[in-house]
C-alpha atoms as a PDB file:
ATOM      1  CA  MET A   1       9.975 -15.727  11.692  1.00  0.00           C
ATOM      2  CA  SER A   2       8.272 -16.404   8.369  1.00  0.00           C
ATOM      3  CA  ALA A   3       6.112 -13.654   6.914  1.00  0.00           C
ATOM      4  CA  LYS A   4       2.381 -14.490   7.209  1.00  0.00           C
ATOM      5  CA  LEU A   5       0.073 -14.047   4.217  1.00  0.00           C
ATOM      6  CA  LEU A   6      -3.679 -14.193   3.903  1.00  0.00           C
ATOM      7  CA  LEU A   7      -4.815 -15.506   0.505  1.00  0.00           C
ATOM      8  CA  LEU A   8      -8.421 -14.866  -0.534  1.00  0.00           C
ATOM      9  CA  GLU A   9      -9.149 -17.041  -3.564  1.00  0.00           C
ATOM     10  CA  ASP A  10     -12.290 -19.135  -4.338  1.00  0.00           C
ATOM     11  CA  ASP A  11     -10.649 -21.443  -6.911  1.00  0.00           C
ATOM     12  CA  PRO A  12      -9.038 -24.305  -4.921  1.00  0.00           C
ATOM     13  CA  ALA A  13      -6.681 -25.227  -7.759  1.00  0.00           C
ATOM     14  CA  ILE A  14      -5.332 -21.676  -8.068  1.00  0.00           C
ATOM     15  CA  ALA A  15      -5.114 -21.395  -4.281  1.00  0.00           C
ATOM     16  CA  ARG A  16      -3.052 -24.595  -4.031  1.00  0.00           C
ATOM     17  CA  THR A  17      -0.667 -23.401  -6.754  1.00  0.00           C
ATOM     18  CA  VAL A  18      -0.237 -19.981  -5.160  1.00  0.00           C
ATOM     19  CA  ALA A  19       0.213 -21.384  -1.655  1.00  0.00           C
ATOM     20  CA  TYR A  20       2.807 -23.884  -2.895  1.00  0.00           C
ATOM     21  CA  ALA A  21       4.800 -21.196  -4.707  1.00  0.00           C
ATOM     22  CA  LEU A  22       4.811 -18.918  -1.642  1.00  0.00           C
ATOM     23  CA  GLU A  23       5.444 -21.613   0.964  1.00  0.00           C
ATOM     24  CA  ARG A  24       8.353 -22.912  -1.126  1.00  0.00           C
ATOM     25  CA  ASP A  25       9.954 -19.506  -0.548  1.00  0.00           C
ATOM     26  CA  GLY A  26       9.497 -19.822   3.205  1.00  0.00           C
ATOM     27  CA  LEU A  27       6.260 -17.818   3.600  1.00  0.00           C
ATOM     28  CA  THR A  28       3.303 -18.946   5.710  1.00  0.00           C
ATOM     29  CA  VAL A  29      -0.061 -18.912   3.865  1.00  0.00           C
ATOM     30  CA  THR A  30      -3.560 -18.884   5.333  1.00  0.00           C
ATOM     31  CA  HIS A  31      -6.217 -19.525   2.680  1.00  0.00           C
ATOM     32  CA  SER A  32      -9.808 -18.238   2.688  1.00  0.00           C
ATOM     33  CA  LEU A  33     -12.446 -19.155   0.090  1.00  0.00           C
ATOM     34  CA  LEU A  34     -14.892 -16.391   1.028  1.00  0.00           C
ATOM     35  CA  VAL A  35     -14.755 -12.681   1.949  1.00  0.00           C
ATOM     36  CA  HIS A  36     -16.604 -13.467   5.182  1.00  0.00           C
ATOM     37  CA  ASP A  37     -13.963 -15.987   6.254  1.00  0.00           C
ATOM     38  CA  ALA A  38     -11.120 -13.622   5.324  1.00  0.00           C
ATOM     39  CA  ARG A  39     -12.645 -10.903   7.547  1.00  0.00           C
ATOM     40  CA  GLN A  40     -12.729 -13.383  10.437  1.00  0.00           C
ATOM     41  CA  GLN A  41      -9.100 -14.385   9.818  1.00  0.00           C
ATOM     42  CA  LEU A  42      -8.065 -10.722   9.963  1.00  0.00           C
ATOM     43  CA  GLN A  43      -9.789 -10.361  13.329  1.00  0.00           C
ATOM     44  CA  ARG A  44      -8.070 -13.474  14.736  1.00  0.00           C
ATOM     45  CA  ALA A  45      -4.500 -13.032  13.566  1.00  0.00           C
ATOM     46  CA  ARG A  46      -1.898 -10.556  12.328  1.00  0.00           C
ATOM     47  CA  PHE A  47      -0.754 -10.803   8.719  1.00  0.00           C
ATOM     48  CA  ASP A  48       2.143  -9.220   6.898  1.00  0.00           C
ATOM     49  CA  LEU A  49       0.525  -9.130   3.459  1.00  0.00           C
ATOM     50  CA  LEU A  50      -2.821  -9.855   1.769  1.00  0.00           C
ATOM     51  CA  VAL A  51      -3.399 -11.486  -1.652  1.00  0.00           C
ATOM     52  CA  LEU A  52      -7.028 -10.819  -2.606  1.00  0.00           C
ATOM     53  CA  ASP A  53      -9.066 -12.101  -5.553  1.00  0.00           C
ATOM     54  CA  VAL A  54     -11.635  -9.656  -6.925  1.00  0.00           C
ATOM     55  CA  GLY A  55     -14.564 -11.927  -7.763  1.00  0.00           C
ATOM     56  CA  LEU A  56     -15.781 -14.084  -4.888  1.00  0.00           C
ATOM     57  CA  PRO A  57     -19.080 -15.948  -4.334  1.00  0.00           C
ATOM     58  CA  ASP A  58     -20.036 -13.690  -1.384  1.00  0.00           C
ATOM     59  CA  GLY A  59     -18.636 -10.395  -2.617  1.00  0.00           C
ATOM     60  CA  SER A  60     -15.479  -8.780  -3.944  1.00  0.00           C
ATOM     61  CA  GLY A  61     -11.937  -8.577  -2.702  1.00  0.00           C
ATOM     62  CA  LEU A  62     -12.224  -4.840  -3.454  1.00  0.00           C
ATOM     63  CA  ASP A  63     -14.786  -4.571  -0.634  1.00  0.00           C
ATOM     64  CA  LEU A  64     -12.357  -6.189   1.770  1.00  0.00           C
ATOM     65  CA  LEU A  65      -9.556  -3.933   0.490  1.00  0.00           C
ATOM     66  CA  ARG A  66     -11.693  -0.881   1.275  1.00  0.00           C
ATOM     67  CA  ASP A  67     -12.332  -2.186   4.822  1.00  0.00           C
ATOM     68  CA  VAL A  68      -8.645  -2.923   5.337  1.00  0.00           C
ATOM     69  CA  ARG A  69      -7.605   0.581   4.294  1.00  0.00           C
ATOM     70  CA  ASN A  70     -10.265   2.205   6.496  1.00  0.00           C
ATOM     71  CA  ALA A  71      -9.197   0.338   9.648  1.00  0.00           C
ATOM     72  CA  ALA A  72      -6.313   1.840  11.606  1.00  0.00           C
ATOM     73  CA  SER A  73      -4.910  -1.580  12.553  1.00  0.00           C
ATOM     74  CA  THR A  74      -4.612  -2.778   8.934  1.00  0.00           C
ATOM     75  CA  ALA A  75      -4.348   0.484   6.915  1.00  0.00           C
ATOM     76  CA  ALA A  76      -0.661  -0.020   6.114  1.00  0.00           C
ATOM     77  CA  LEU A  77      -0.871  -3.711   5.161  1.00  0.00           C
ATOM     78  CA  PRO A  78       0.578  -4.428   1.692  1.00  0.00           C
ATOM     79  CA  VAL A  79      -2.140  -5.781  -0.619  1.00  0.00           C
ATOM     80  CA  LEU A  80      -1.810  -7.528  -3.967  1.00  0.00           C
ATOM     81  CA  MET A  81      -4.984  -7.956  -5.996  1.00  0.00           C
ATOM     82  CA  LEU A  82      -5.780 -10.912  -8.297  1.00  0.00           C
ATOM     83  CA  SER A  83      -8.382 -10.699 -11.012  1.00  0.00           C
ATOM     84  CA  ALA A  84      -9.618 -12.547 -14.075  1.00  0.00           C
ATOM     85  CA  HIS A  85     -10.482  -9.194 -15.590  1.00  0.00           C
ATOM     86  CA  GLY A  86      -7.877  -7.427 -17.661  1.00  0.00           C
ATOM     87  CA  GLU A  87      -9.792  -4.173 -18.160  1.00  0.00           C
ATOM     88  CA  GLU A  88      -7.931  -1.017 -17.154  1.00  0.00           C
ATOM     89  CA  ILE A  89     -10.881   0.201 -15.080  1.00  0.00           C
ATOM     90  CA  ASP A  90     -10.536  -2.781 -12.705  1.00  0.00           C
ATOM     91  CA  ARG A  91      -6.836  -2.113 -12.175  1.00  0.00           C
ATOM     92  CA  VAL A  92      -7.378   1.617 -11.681  1.00  0.00           C
ATOM     93  CA  LEU A  93     -10.202   0.987  -9.171  1.00  0.00           C
ATOM     94  CA  GLY A  94      -8.039  -1.415  -7.185  1.00  0.00           C
ATOM     95  CA  LEU A  95      -5.154   1.036  -7.082  1.00  0.00           C
ATOM     96  CA  GLU A  96      -7.380   3.951  -6.136  1.00  0.00           C
ATOM     97  CA  LEU A  97      -8.763   1.919  -3.250  1.00  0.00           C
ATOM     98  CA  GLY A  98      -5.215   1.368  -2.025  1.00  0.00           C
ATOM     99  CA  ALA A  99      -3.916  -1.829  -3.621  1.00  0.00           C
ATOM    100  CA  ASP A 100      -0.120  -1.942  -3.824  1.00  0.00           C
ATOM    101  CA  ASP A 101       0.019  -4.235  -6.845  1.00  0.00           C
ATOM    102  CA  TYR A 102      -2.322  -5.949  -9.306  1.00  0.00           C
ATOM    103  CA  LEU A 103      -1.907  -9.242 -11.158  1.00  0.00           C
ATOM    104  CA  THR A 104      -4.261 -10.478 -13.877  1.00  0.00           C
ATOM    105  CA  LYS A 105      -5.112 -14.159 -14.339  1.00  0.00           C
ATOM    106  CA  PRO A 106      -3.644 -16.277 -15.771  1.00  0.00           C
ATOM    107  CA  PHE A 107      -0.343 -15.486 -14.105  1.00  0.00           C
ATOM    108  CA  SER A 108       2.961 -17.177 -13.353  1.00  0.00           C
ATOM    109  CA  PRO A 109       3.253 -18.420  -9.728  1.00  0.00           C
ATOM    110  CA  ARG A 110       6.909 -17.442  -9.871  1.00  0.00           C
ATOM    111  CA  GLU A 111       5.976 -13.871 -10.834  1.00  0.00           C
ATOM    112  CA  LEU A 112       3.409 -13.749  -8.036  1.00  0.00           C
ATOM    113  CA  ALA A 113       5.995 -14.918  -5.500  1.00  0.00           C
ATOM    114  CA  ALA A 114       8.488 -12.310  -6.767  1.00  0.00           C
ATOM    115  CA  ARG A 115       5.915  -9.515  -6.463  1.00  0.00           C
ATOM    116  CA  VAL A 116       4.940 -10.632  -2.947  1.00  0.00           C
ATOM    117  CA  LYS A 117       8.544 -10.634  -1.811  1.00  0.00           C
ATOM    118  CA  ALA A 118       9.087  -7.190  -3.328  1.00  0.00           C
ATOM    119  CA  LEU A 119       6.067  -5.811  -1.467  1.00  0.00           C
ATOM    120  CA  LEU A 120       7.324  -7.320   1.809  1.00  0.00           C
ATOM    121  CA  ARG A 121      10.737  -5.750   1.328  1.00  0.00           C
ATOM    122  CA  ARG A 122       9.168  -2.389   0.504  1.00  0.00           C
ATOM    123  CA  ALA A 123       7.002  -2.549   3.616  1.00  0.00           C
ATOM    124  CA  GLY A 124      10.014  -3.360   5.772  1.00  0.00           C
ATOM    125  CA  ASN A 125       8.583  -6.671   6.938  1.00  0.00           C
ATOM    126  CA  GLY A 126      11.585  -8.612   5.763  1.00  0.00           C
ATOM    127  CA  ASN A 127      13.556  -9.629   2.712  1.00  0.00           C
ATOM    128  CA  GLY A 128      10.830 -11.920   1.372  1.00  0.00           C
ATOM    129  CA  ASN A 129      12.268 -15.027   2.992  1.00  0.00           C
ATOM    130  CA  GLY A 130      11.031 -14.455   6.528  1.00  0.00           C
ATOM    131  CA  HIS A 131      14.183 -12.662   7.696  1.00  0.00           C
ATOM    132  CA  PRO A 132      14.236  -9.067   8.999  1.00  0.00           C
ATOM    133  CA  ALA A 133      15.270  -6.523   6.437  1.00  0.00           C
ATOM    134  CA  THR A 134      18.564  -4.693   6.863  1.00  0.00           C
ATOM    135  CA  PRO A 135      17.925  -1.021   7.571  1.00  0.00           C
ATOM    136  CA  THR A 136      19.304   1.457   5.060  1.00  0.00           C
ATOM    137  CA  ALA A 137      19.867   5.196   5.164  1.00  0.00           C
ATOM    138  CA  THR A 138      17.195   5.856   2.530  1.00  0.00           C
ATOM    139  CA  ALA A 139      14.577   3.650   4.190  1.00  0.00           C
ATOM    140  CA  SER A 140      14.488   5.894   7.266  1.00  0.00           C
ATOM    141  CA  ALA A 141      15.440   9.204   5.572  1.00  0.00           C
ATOM    142  CA  LEU A 142      11.902  10.603   5.522  1.00  0.00           C
ATOM    143  CA  PHE A 143       9.648   9.848   8.493  1.00  0.00           C
ATOM    144  CA  LEU A 144       6.978  11.063  10.884  1.00  0.00           C
ATOM    145  CA  ASP A 145       8.866  11.716  14.075  1.00  0.00           C
ATOM    146  CA  ASP A 146       6.317  13.724  16.071  1.00  0.00           C
ATOM    147  CA  GLU A 147       2.634  13.351  15.162  1.00  0.00           C
ATOM    148  CA  THR A 148       1.496  15.358  18.193  1.00  0.00           C
ATOM    149  CA  GLY A 149       3.687  18.240  17.201  1.00  0.00           C
ATOM    150  CA  GLN A 150       2.982  17.650  13.509  1.00  0.00           C
ATOM    151  CA  ARG A 151       6.641  17.265  12.584  1.00  0.00           C
ATOM    152  CA  ILE A 152       8.157  15.335   9.696  1.00  0.00           C
ATOM    153  CA  SER A 153      11.912  14.970   9.307  1.00  0.00           C
ATOM    154  CA  LEU A 154      14.077  14.332   6.302  1.00  0.00           C
ATOM    155  CA  ARG A 155      17.612  13.130   7.003  1.00  0.00           C
ATOM    156  CA  GLY A 156      17.362  14.311  10.575  1.00  0.00           C
ATOM    157  CA  GLN A 157      16.136  17.803   9.670  1.00  0.00           C
ATOM    158  CA  ALA A 158      12.629  18.920  10.531  1.00  0.00           C
ATOM    159  CA  LEU A 159      10.743  20.165   7.449  1.00  0.00           C
ATOM    160  CA  PRO A 160       9.116  23.637   7.608  1.00  0.00           C
ATOM    161  CA  LEU A 161       5.599  22.523   6.668  1.00  0.00           C
ATOM    162  CA  THR A 162       2.279  24.311   6.713  1.00  0.00           C
ATOM    163  CA  ARG A 163      -0.697  22.557   8.297  1.00  0.00           C
ATOM    164  CA  ARG A 164      -2.027  21.408   4.884  1.00  0.00           C
ATOM    165  CA  GLU A 165       1.417  20.281   3.727  1.00  0.00           C
ATOM    166  CA  TYR A 166       1.844  18.277   6.909  1.00  0.00           C
ATOM    167  CA  ARG A 167      -1.526  16.549   6.435  1.00  0.00           C
ATOM    168  CA  LEU A 168      -0.754  15.741   2.807  1.00  0.00           C
ATOM    169  CA  LEU A 169       2.719  14.372   3.455  1.00  0.00           C
ATOM    170  CA  SER A 170       1.771  12.430   6.586  1.00  0.00           C
ATOM    171  CA  HIS A 171      -1.090  10.777   4.675  1.00  0.00           C
ATOM    172  CA  LEU A 172       1.305   9.812   1.887  1.00  0.00           C
ATOM    173  CA  LEU A 173       3.854   8.512   4.398  1.00  0.00           C
ATOM    174  CA  ARG A 174       1.325   6.352   6.251  1.00  0.00           C
ATOM    175  CA  GLY A 175       0.596   4.645   2.930  1.00  0.00           C
ATOM    176  CA  ALA A 176       4.133   4.799   1.550  1.00  0.00           C
ATOM    177  CA  GLY A 177       4.501   2.794  -1.664  1.00  0.00           C
ATOM    178  CA  ARG A 178       0.779   3.096  -2.475  1.00  0.00           C
ATOM    179  CA  ILE A 179      -0.796   5.412  -5.038  1.00  0.00           C
ATOM    180  CA  HIS A 180      -3.177   7.933  -3.453  1.00  0.00           C
ATOM    181  CA  SER A 181      -5.831   9.542  -5.628  1.00  0.00           C
ATOM    182  CA  ARG A 182      -6.232  13.326  -5.549  1.00  0.00           C
ATOM    183  CA  ASP A 183      -9.701  12.867  -4.042  1.00  0.00           C
ATOM    184  CA  ALA A 184      -8.225  10.845  -1.159  1.00  0.00           C
ATOM    185  CA  LEU A 185      -5.547  13.480  -0.573  1.00  0.00           C
ATOM    186  CA  LEU A 186      -8.139  16.258  -0.688  1.00  0.00           C
ATOM    187  CA  ALA A 187     -10.202  14.470   1.965  1.00  0.00           C
ATOM    188  CA  ALA A 188      -7.140  13.849   4.148  1.00  0.00           C
ATOM    189  CA  ALA A 189      -5.857  17.426   4.085  1.00  0.00           C
ATOM    190  CA  TRP A 190      -8.943  19.536   3.566  1.00  0.00           C
ATOM    191  CA  GLY A 191     -11.877  17.346   4.654  1.00  0.00           C
ATOM    192  CA  ASP A 192     -14.803  15.946   2.721  1.00  0.00           C
ATOM    193  CA  ASP A 193     -16.702  19.247   2.720  1.00  0.00           C
ATOM    194  CA  SER A 194     -13.859  21.300   1.231  1.00  0.00           C
ATOM    195  CA  GLU A 195     -14.448  23.249  -1.966  1.00  0.00           C
ATOM    196  CA  SER A 196     -10.807  22.843  -2.947  1.00  0.00           C
ATOM    197  CA  THR A 197      -9.996  21.125  -6.241  1.00  0.00           C
ATOM    198  CA  ASP A 198      -7.466  18.708  -7.706  1.00  0.00           C
ATOM    199  CA  ARG A 199      -5.374  21.751  -8.664  1.00  0.00           C
ATOM    200  CA  THR A 200      -5.043  22.606  -4.998  1.00  0.00           C
ATOM    201  CA  VAL A 201      -3.496  19.181  -4.332  1.00  0.00           C
ATOM    202  CA  ASP A 202      -1.146  19.590  -7.302  1.00  0.00           C
ATOM    203  CA  THR A 203      -0.004  23.008  -6.046  1.00  0.00           C
ATOM    204  CA  HIS A 204       0.717  21.735  -2.550  1.00  0.00           C
ATOM    205  CA  ILE A 205       2.563  18.677  -3.897  1.00  0.00           C
ATOM    206  CA  LYS A 206       4.746  21.075  -5.908  1.00  0.00           C
ATOM    207  CA  THR A 207       5.690  23.079  -2.796  1.00  0.00           C
ATOM    208  CA  LEU A 208       6.292  19.862  -0.843  1.00  0.00           C
ATOM    209  CA  ARG A 209       8.696  18.666  -3.527  1.00  0.00           C
ATOM    210  CA  ALA A 210      10.566  21.969  -3.390  1.00  0.00           C
ATOM    211  CA  LYS A 211      10.975  21.724   0.396  1.00  0.00           C
ATOM    212  CA  LEU A 212      12.171  18.132   0.138  1.00  0.00           C
ATOM    213  CA  ARG A 213      14.691  19.064  -2.546  1.00  0.00           C
ATOM    214  CA  GLU A 214      16.125  21.781  -0.306  1.00  0.00           C
ATOM    215  CA  VAL A 215      17.178  19.085   2.164  1.00  0.00           C
ATOM    216  CA  ASP A 216      17.924  16.270  -0.292  1.00  0.00           C
ATOM    217  CA  PRO A 217      18.375  17.606  -3.861  1.00  0.00           C
ATOM    218  CA  GLY A 218      19.553  14.256  -5.183  1.00  0.00           C
ATOM    219  CA  ARG A 219      16.289  12.394  -4.874  1.00  0.00           C
ATOM    220  CA  GLU A 220      12.586  12.747  -5.680  1.00  0.00           C
ATOM    221  CA  TYR A 221      10.449  11.330  -2.878  1.00  0.00           C
ATOM    222  CA  ILE A 222       6.980  12.027  -4.351  1.00  0.00           C
ATOM    223  CA  SER A 223       6.175  10.390  -7.705  1.00  0.00           C
ATOM    224  CA  THR A 224       3.289  11.209 -10.023  1.00  0.00           C
ATOM    225  CA  HIS A 225       1.187   8.411 -11.543  1.00  0.00           C
ATOM    226  CA  ARG A 226      -0.654   9.927 -14.466  1.00  0.00           C
ATOM    227  CA  GLY A 227      -4.394   9.651 -14.162  1.00  0.00           C
ATOM    228  CA  MET A 228      -4.200   8.027 -10.711  1.00  0.00           C
ATOM    229  CA  GLY A 229      -2.469  10.252  -8.181  1.00  0.00           C
ATOM    230  CA  TYR A 230       0.684  10.499  -6.103  1.00  0.00           C
ATOM    231  CA  CYS A 231       2.947   8.131  -4.176  1.00  0.00           C
ATOM    232  CA  VAL A 232       5.737   8.560  -1.661  1.00  0.00           C
ATOM    233  CA  ASP A 233       8.656   6.221  -2.211  1.00  0.00           C
ATOM    234  CA  ILE A 234      10.894   5.693   0.796  1.00  0.00           C
END
């Protein structure tokens, strides 16, 4: 089946161009002009990826992004943000809220289509042409295999994790491919009322990396994005 995308864009001309580029590659596009309509579409149907504009007449795509990431049913959805603003602060805010990619207008429809297909492949929803992706050894090397027992395995071997390490790594895994800010990781592993600091996150990430290397020394699973946070790449 074709991958289904929700496009939130208030400029009809841009929306037509984007939809044409994506549908030409075999993807199914549902277009919303307003944030309110996009929220209703998300309640009615399941989508494989969201393309959200930032500035809309009734709000911001960033508000919808925040809602999507806070809802269990949509938390893992790949999201690409569109914006007419090229300022770094806009891109950083979008990424900190959980956007997977960010494209500034004006942009090439071909580049947009390529980025969408890459996000779909990364999420395991297909190869970008509506066909199931072929499983690989690395795609399933690191995974949550027992949430009740708080167990995470790497290449079939259970990792010896502390409670905090488990919470950190499981949060990263649930949003694999996304950049997670230190504040978000602090809240996930220590709670909002914790007096722990960014340094605490950095220390635990360091020990997590060491434990991952013991099992698979040939690959780094946790990447650092300077000034933004950490990301798990699987």
